[in-house]
N, C-alpha and C. Protein backbone atom coordinates (compact mmCIF):
# COMPACT_ATOMS: atom_id res chain seq x y z
N UNK A 1 248.97 -68.28 -127.78
CA UNK A 1 248.82 -69.57 -127.29
C UNK A 1 248.84 -70.59 -128.50
N UNK A 2 248.47 -70.06 -129.64
CA UNK A 2 248.27 -70.86 -130.75
C UNK A 2 249.51 -71.75 -130.95
N UNK A 3 250.65 -71.25 -130.74
CA UNK A 3 251.85 -71.99 -130.95
C UNK A 3 252.54 -72.69 -129.74
N UNK A 4 252.23 -72.20 -128.56
CA UNK A 4 252.81 -72.73 -127.42
C UNK A 4 251.91 -73.84 -126.78
N UNK A 5 250.65 -73.59 -126.78
CA UNK A 5 249.69 -74.56 -126.24
C UNK A 5 248.41 -74.52 -126.94
N UNK A 6 248.05 -75.63 -127.76
CA UNK A 6 246.78 -75.68 -128.28
C UNK A 6 245.79 -75.80 -127.19
N UNK A 7 244.57 -75.35 -127.29
CA UNK A 7 243.57 -75.40 -126.25
C UNK A 7 242.51 -76.46 -126.45
N UNK A 8 242.36 -77.22 -125.48
CA UNK A 8 241.23 -78.20 -125.55
C UNK A 8 240.11 -77.73 -124.74
N UNK A 9 239.01 -77.56 -125.15
CA UNK A 9 237.91 -77.00 -124.47
C UNK A 9 236.99 -78.33 -124.25
N UNK A 10 236.66 -78.73 -123.03
CA UNK A 10 235.98 -79.87 -122.82
C UNK A 10 234.92 -79.67 -121.76
N UNK A 11 233.86 -80.50 -121.85
CA UNK A 11 232.87 -80.59 -120.81
C UNK A 11 233.03 -81.87 -120.12
N UNK A 12 233.43 -81.94 -118.89
CA UNK A 12 233.78 -83.18 -118.25
C UNK A 12 233.25 -83.12 -116.83
N UNK A 13 232.90 -84.39 -116.30
CA UNK A 13 232.52 -84.44 -114.91
C UNK A 13 233.69 -84.35 -114.06
N UNK A 14 233.54 -84.05 -112.84
CA UNK A 14 234.73 -83.95 -111.95
C UNK A 14 235.31 -85.30 -111.69
N UNK A 15 236.60 -85.48 -111.73
CA UNK A 15 237.34 -86.64 -111.51
C UNK A 15 238.31 -86.47 -110.50
N UNK A 16 238.57 -87.39 -109.70
CA UNK A 16 239.59 -87.35 -108.60
C UNK A 16 240.63 -88.39 -108.85
N UNK A 17 241.83 -87.97 -108.62
CA UNK A 17 243.01 -88.94 -108.83
C UNK A 17 243.85 -88.85 -107.52
N UNK A 18 244.51 -89.99 -107.18
CA UNK A 18 245.43 -89.96 -106.16
C UNK A 18 246.82 -90.14 -106.70
N UNK A 19 247.80 -89.64 -106.14
CA UNK A 19 249.07 -89.66 -106.61
C UNK A 19 249.82 -90.75 -105.87
N UNK A 20 249.32 -91.31 -104.78
CA UNK A 20 249.94 -92.35 -104.16
C UNK A 20 251.06 -91.77 -103.13
N UNK A 21 252.15 -92.43 -103.12
CA UNK A 21 253.20 -91.97 -102.35
C UNK A 21 254.21 -91.15 -103.06
N UNK A 22 253.79 -90.06 -103.65
CA UNK A 22 254.60 -89.17 -104.33
C UNK A 22 255.71 -88.53 -103.40
N UNK A 23 256.86 -88.36 -103.89
CA UNK A 23 257.93 -87.72 -103.12
C UNK A 23 257.60 -86.27 -102.77
N UNK A 24 257.01 -85.57 -103.66
CA UNK A 24 256.52 -84.18 -103.43
C UNK A 24 255.09 -84.17 -103.87
N UNK A 25 254.28 -83.47 -102.98
CA UNK A 25 252.92 -83.42 -103.25
C UNK A 25 252.58 -81.89 -103.81
N UNK A 26 252.01 -81.89 -104.92
CA UNK A 26 251.60 -80.55 -105.46
C UNK A 26 250.33 -80.08 -104.88
N UNK A 27 250.38 -78.98 -104.24
CA UNK A 27 249.17 -78.40 -103.68
C UNK A 27 248.25 -77.80 -104.63
N UNK A 28 248.84 -77.00 -105.61
CA UNK A 28 247.98 -76.44 -106.64
C UNK A 28 248.86 -76.02 -107.79
N UNK A 29 248.32 -75.87 -109.00
CA UNK A 29 249.08 -75.21 -110.08
C UNK A 29 248.95 -73.70 -109.94
N UNK A 30 249.86 -72.90 -110.04
CA UNK A 30 249.85 -71.60 -109.86
C UNK A 30 249.84 -70.78 -111.14
N UNK A 31 250.69 -71.01 -112.09
CA UNK A 31 250.75 -70.21 -113.31
C UNK A 31 251.25 -70.93 -114.50
N UNK A 32 251.06 -70.51 -115.69
CA UNK A 32 251.68 -70.93 -116.90
C UNK A 32 251.85 -69.68 -117.77
N UNK A 33 253.02 -69.64 -118.41
CA UNK A 33 253.43 -68.59 -119.32
C UNK A 33 253.16 -69.02 -120.73
N UNK A 34 252.59 -68.23 -121.59
CA UNK A 34 252.24 -68.62 -122.95
C UNK A 34 252.83 -67.53 -123.84
N UNK A 35 253.65 -67.92 -124.84
CA UNK A 35 254.19 -66.88 -125.84
C UNK A 35 253.10 -66.66 -126.89
N UNK A 36 252.82 -65.41 -127.16
CA UNK A 36 251.75 -65.03 -128.17
C UNK A 36 252.25 -63.95 -128.99
N UNK A 37 251.63 -63.70 -130.11
CA UNK A 37 252.08 -62.54 -130.90
C UNK A 37 251.34 -61.30 -130.64
N UNK A 38 250.25 -61.35 -129.80
CA UNK A 38 249.38 -60.14 -129.48
C UNK A 38 248.88 -60.43 -128.04
N UNK A 39 249.52 -59.85 -127.00
CA UNK A 39 249.18 -60.03 -125.59
C UNK A 39 247.79 -59.53 -125.43
N UNK A 40 247.38 -58.23 -125.80
CA UNK A 40 246.08 -57.74 -125.55
C UNK A 40 244.97 -58.52 -126.15
N UNK A 41 245.17 -58.99 -127.43
CA UNK A 41 244.18 -59.84 -128.06
C UNK A 41 243.87 -61.22 -127.31
N UNK A 42 245.02 -61.76 -126.86
CA UNK A 42 245.02 -63.00 -126.08
C UNK A 42 244.10 -62.85 -124.69
N UNK A 43 244.60 -61.75 -124.01
CA UNK A 43 243.91 -61.44 -122.72
C UNK A 43 242.50 -61.19 -122.97
N UNK A 44 242.14 -60.32 -124.02
CA UNK A 44 240.70 -60.03 -124.30
C UNK A 44 239.87 -61.20 -124.63
N UNK A 45 240.53 -62.17 -125.41
CA UNK A 45 239.85 -63.37 -125.85
C UNK A 45 239.56 -64.32 -124.71
N UNK A 46 240.65 -64.58 -123.89
CA UNK A 46 240.48 -65.34 -122.81
C UNK A 46 239.47 -64.91 -121.75
N UNK A 47 239.42 -63.53 -121.62
CA UNK A 47 238.37 -62.95 -120.69
C UNK A 47 236.99 -63.05 -121.34
N UNK A 48 236.80 -62.80 -122.63
CA UNK A 48 235.54 -62.94 -123.24
C UNK A 48 234.94 -64.28 -123.39
N UNK A 49 235.82 -65.25 -123.80
CA UNK A 49 235.36 -66.58 -124.10
C UNK A 49 235.64 -67.70 -123.34
N UNK A 50 236.63 -67.67 -122.52
CA UNK A 50 237.12 -68.72 -121.65
C UNK A 50 237.06 -68.53 -120.17
N UNK A 51 236.37 -67.43 -119.71
CA UNK A 51 236.09 -67.27 -118.27
C UNK A 51 237.33 -66.68 -117.53
N UNK A 52 238.39 -66.13 -118.27
CA UNK A 52 239.47 -65.58 -117.75
C UNK A 52 239.15 -64.24 -117.10
N UNK A 53 239.87 -63.98 -115.90
CA UNK A 53 239.60 -62.68 -115.19
C UNK A 53 240.95 -62.02 -115.09
N UNK A 54 241.08 -60.80 -115.67
CA UNK A 54 242.35 -60.10 -115.54
C UNK A 54 242.66 -59.77 -114.16
N UNK A 55 243.93 -59.88 -113.68
CA UNK A 55 244.31 -59.71 -112.33
C UNK A 55 244.18 -58.20 -112.00
N UNK A 56 244.49 -57.35 -112.86
CA UNK A 56 244.24 -55.93 -112.68
C UNK A 56 244.30 -55.24 -114.08
N UNK A 57 243.70 -54.07 -114.30
CA UNK A 57 243.76 -53.38 -115.58
C UNK A 57 245.10 -53.22 -116.14
N UNK A 58 245.17 -53.66 -117.45
CA UNK A 58 246.40 -53.58 -118.05
C UNK A 58 247.36 -54.75 -117.86
N UNK A 59 247.02 -55.67 -117.01
CA UNK A 59 247.90 -56.79 -116.70
C UNK A 59 247.95 -57.74 -118.02
N UNK A 60 249.16 -58.35 -118.21
CA UNK A 60 249.31 -59.26 -119.33
C UNK A 60 248.81 -60.72 -118.93
N UNK A 61 247.84 -60.81 -118.10
CA UNK A 61 247.45 -62.08 -117.65
C UNK A 61 245.94 -62.24 -117.37
N UNK A 62 245.44 -63.42 -117.22
CA UNK A 62 244.22 -63.69 -116.72
C UNK A 62 244.20 -64.88 -115.70
N UNK A 63 243.30 -64.98 -114.81
CA UNK A 63 243.01 -66.16 -114.03
C UNK A 63 241.96 -66.92 -114.61
N UNK A 64 242.16 -68.27 -114.73
CA UNK A 64 241.16 -69.13 -115.03
C UNK A 64 241.09 -70.06 -113.88
N UNK A 65 240.01 -69.88 -113.02
CA UNK A 65 239.91 -70.55 -111.83
C UNK A 65 241.00 -69.98 -111.03
N UNK A 66 241.97 -70.83 -110.33
CA UNK A 66 242.99 -70.35 -109.53
C UNK A 66 244.33 -70.42 -110.31
N UNK A 67 244.36 -70.69 -111.57
CA UNK A 67 245.56 -70.72 -112.32
C UNK A 67 245.67 -69.39 -113.08
N UNK A 68 246.86 -68.82 -112.95
CA UNK A 68 247.21 -67.55 -113.67
C UNK A 68 247.89 -67.91 -114.93
N UNK A 69 247.25 -67.38 -116.14
CA UNK A 69 247.82 -67.55 -117.42
C UNK A 69 248.51 -66.17 -117.83
N UNK A 70 249.73 -66.22 -117.89
CA UNK A 70 250.54 -65.05 -118.24
C UNK A 70 250.95 -65.01 -119.78
N UNK A 71 250.55 -64.01 -120.43
CA UNK A 71 250.92 -63.94 -121.91
C UNK A 71 252.19 -63.11 -122.03
N UNK A 72 253.08 -63.68 -122.91
CA UNK A 72 254.34 -63.02 -123.08
C UNK A 72 254.43 -62.80 -124.67
N UNK A 73 254.65 -61.60 -124.98
CA UNK A 73 254.63 -61.23 -126.39
C UNK A 73 256.08 -61.71 -126.91
N UNK A 74 256.05 -62.30 -128.16
CA UNK A 74 257.18 -62.68 -128.78
C UNK A 74 256.93 -62.57 -130.32
N UNK A 75 257.98 -62.35 -131.04
CA UNK A 75 258.00 -62.24 -132.55
C UNK A 75 257.94 -63.58 -133.15
N UNK A 76 258.50 -64.61 -132.54
CA UNK A 76 258.61 -65.90 -133.13
C UNK A 76 257.72 -66.85 -132.23
N UNK A 77 256.53 -67.00 -132.62
CA UNK A 77 255.73 -67.97 -131.96
C UNK A 77 255.70 -69.30 -132.66
N UNK A 78 255.70 -70.40 -131.97
CA UNK A 78 255.70 -71.75 -132.54
C UNK A 78 254.49 -72.61 -132.17
N UNK A 79 254.25 -73.53 -133.10
CA UNK A 79 253.07 -74.45 -132.78
C UNK A 79 253.43 -75.32 -131.55
N UNK A 80 252.41 -75.64 -130.87
CA UNK A 80 252.67 -76.46 -129.61
C UNK A 80 252.44 -77.96 -129.84
N UNK A 81 251.76 -78.41 -130.90
CA UNK A 81 251.50 -79.72 -131.11
C UNK A 81 252.83 -80.50 -131.06
N UNK A 82 253.08 -81.50 -130.21
CA UNK A 82 254.18 -82.22 -130.19
C UNK A 82 255.33 -81.69 -129.28
N UNK A 83 255.09 -80.49 -128.76
CA UNK A 83 256.08 -79.76 -127.96
C UNK A 83 255.91 -80.18 -126.45
N UNK A 84 256.65 -79.67 -125.64
CA UNK A 84 256.61 -80.03 -124.21
C UNK A 84 255.22 -79.95 -123.71
N UNK A 85 254.58 -78.71 -124.00
CA UNK A 85 253.12 -78.61 -123.55
C UNK A 85 252.37 -78.67 -124.84
N UNK A 86 251.58 -79.81 -125.03
CA UNK A 86 250.84 -79.91 -126.32
C UNK A 86 249.62 -79.10 -126.20
N UNK A 87 248.94 -79.10 -125.12
CA UNK A 87 247.60 -78.39 -125.07
C UNK A 87 247.29 -78.07 -123.60
N UNK A 88 246.25 -77.21 -123.41
CA UNK A 88 245.80 -76.93 -122.15
C UNK A 88 244.21 -77.32 -122.21
N UNK A 89 243.72 -78.03 -121.20
CA UNK A 89 242.27 -78.32 -121.18
C UNK A 89 241.57 -77.47 -120.16
N UNK A 90 240.40 -76.99 -120.56
CA UNK A 90 239.44 -76.18 -119.77
C UNK A 90 238.15 -76.86 -119.79
N UNK A 91 237.30 -76.71 -118.71
CA UNK A 91 235.93 -77.19 -118.72
C UNK A 91 234.95 -76.04 -118.75
N UNK A 92 233.89 -76.26 -119.52
CA UNK A 92 232.93 -75.18 -119.76
C UNK A 92 231.53 -75.80 -119.53
N UNK A 93 230.62 -75.08 -118.87
CA UNK A 93 229.29 -75.42 -118.68
C UNK A 93 228.48 -75.55 -119.98
N UNK A 94 228.80 -74.73 -120.99
CA UNK A 94 228.08 -74.70 -122.26
C UNK A 94 229.05 -74.72 -123.36
N UNK A 95 229.57 -75.91 -123.74
CA UNK A 95 230.56 -75.97 -124.70
C UNK A 95 230.17 -75.56 -126.05
N UNK A 96 228.96 -75.72 -126.41
CA UNK A 96 228.43 -75.28 -127.75
C UNK A 96 228.55 -73.80 -127.86
N UNK A 97 228.14 -73.03 -126.86
CA UNK A 97 228.15 -71.58 -126.93
C UNK A 97 229.66 -71.09 -126.89
N UNK A 98 230.43 -71.71 -126.11
CA UNK A 98 231.89 -71.37 -125.96
C UNK A 98 232.53 -71.54 -127.37
N UNK A 99 232.28 -72.68 -128.00
CA UNK A 99 232.86 -72.97 -129.31
C UNK A 99 232.40 -71.89 -130.39
N UNK A 100 231.14 -71.49 -130.40
CA UNK A 100 230.62 -70.56 -131.31
C UNK A 100 231.39 -69.18 -131.01
N UNK A 101 231.51 -68.82 -129.80
CA UNK A 101 232.13 -67.47 -129.55
C UNK A 101 233.63 -67.53 -129.89
N UNK A 102 234.30 -68.73 -129.73
CA UNK A 102 235.77 -68.72 -130.04
C UNK A 102 235.95 -68.73 -131.50
N UNK A 103 235.03 -69.40 -132.27
CA UNK A 103 235.24 -69.36 -133.70
C UNK A 103 234.89 -68.05 -134.28
N UNK A 104 233.95 -67.32 -133.69
CA UNK A 104 233.63 -65.95 -134.15
C UNK A 104 234.85 -64.98 -133.85
N UNK A 105 235.60 -65.28 -132.82
CA UNK A 105 236.74 -64.50 -132.49
C UNK A 105 237.98 -64.84 -133.22
N UNK A 106 237.88 -65.72 -134.14
CA UNK A 106 239.05 -66.10 -134.97
C UNK A 106 239.84 -67.41 -134.68
N UNK A 107 239.23 -68.12 -133.66
CA UNK A 107 239.87 -69.53 -133.32
C UNK A 107 239.61 -70.44 -134.57
N UNK A 108 240.59 -71.30 -134.82
CA UNK A 108 240.40 -72.38 -135.78
C UNK A 108 239.99 -73.62 -135.13
N UNK A 109 239.00 -74.22 -135.67
CA UNK A 109 238.41 -75.48 -135.12
C UNK A 109 239.33 -76.55 -135.58
N UNK A 110 240.11 -77.12 -134.77
CA UNK A 110 240.99 -78.35 -135.13
C UNK A 110 240.24 -79.54 -135.18
N UNK A 111 239.32 -79.80 -134.09
CA UNK A 111 238.49 -80.98 -134.05
C UNK A 111 237.19 -80.47 -133.49
N UNK A 112 236.04 -80.66 -134.14
CA UNK A 112 234.81 -80.07 -133.69
C UNK A 112 234.30 -80.94 -132.43
N UNK A 113 233.33 -80.46 -131.84
CA UNK A 113 232.73 -81.08 -130.63
C UNK A 113 232.43 -82.63 -130.97
N UNK A 114 232.87 -83.49 -130.09
CA UNK A 114 232.62 -84.87 -130.21
C UNK A 114 232.63 -85.50 -128.79
N UNK A 115 232.05 -86.72 -128.74
CA UNK A 115 231.92 -87.44 -127.47
C UNK A 115 233.24 -88.29 -127.35
N UNK A 116 233.69 -88.24 -126.13
CA UNK A 116 234.85 -89.13 -125.81
C UNK A 116 234.46 -90.22 -124.90
N UNK A 117 234.34 -91.44 -125.46
CA UNK A 117 233.98 -92.63 -124.68
C UNK A 117 232.84 -92.51 -123.78
N UNK A 118 231.85 -91.68 -124.17
CA UNK A 118 230.63 -91.57 -123.24
C UNK A 118 230.93 -90.85 -121.99
N UNK A 119 232.16 -90.33 -121.78
CA UNK A 119 232.49 -89.65 -120.48
C UNK A 119 232.31 -88.13 -120.56
N UNK A 120 232.69 -87.49 -121.67
CA UNK A 120 232.60 -86.05 -121.91
C UNK A 120 232.56 -85.76 -123.33
N UNK A 121 232.21 -84.43 -123.58
CA UNK A 121 232.39 -83.85 -124.92
C UNK A 121 233.57 -82.98 -124.92
N UNK A 122 234.31 -82.96 -126.14
CA UNK A 122 235.39 -82.06 -126.20
C UNK A 122 235.53 -81.60 -127.51
N UNK A 123 236.22 -80.53 -127.67
CA UNK A 123 236.60 -79.90 -129.06
C UNK A 123 237.98 -79.33 -128.88
N UNK A 124 238.71 -79.30 -129.96
CA UNK A 124 240.06 -78.67 -129.92
C UNK A 124 240.07 -77.54 -130.86
N UNK A 125 240.64 -76.39 -130.26
CA UNK A 125 240.82 -75.22 -131.16
C UNK A 125 242.30 -74.73 -131.17
N UNK A 126 242.57 -73.84 -132.04
CA UNK A 126 243.87 -73.22 -132.12
C UNK A 126 243.58 -71.74 -132.16
N UNK A 127 244.08 -70.99 -131.18
CA UNK A 127 243.79 -69.64 -131.22
C UNK A 127 244.61 -68.85 -132.21
N UNK A 128 244.22 -67.62 -132.52
CA UNK A 128 244.92 -66.90 -133.62
C UNK A 128 246.26 -66.12 -133.21
N UNK A 129 246.71 -66.32 -131.97
CA UNK A 129 248.04 -65.57 -131.72
C UNK A 129 249.21 -66.45 -131.74
């Protein structure tokens, strides 16, 4: 995910948005596929530090909430900053503990924990795959 989608870990209160009269209403997001250099390491890290739950033993994916994140191994992984998908945001109850775990697991802290307009705290990491 390091190169396909930088990860934004944030602590935020629930917010609700209305789409208005959209031509198509999205019921839910189902999955996202992320190119990584090491599928097992990505799955293990998402399970250990980001609340991911593997769909079944040996699966190349995790569920984070109701969204399935599928990891696809590739030899040529690219940075995500400025690409079509710049980052993925996740909410955690204990951002400080989550960040300590991610850093210990090899994530690079791109932006340390900081307050965003008094609304929530966030930090940006880049995972090692």
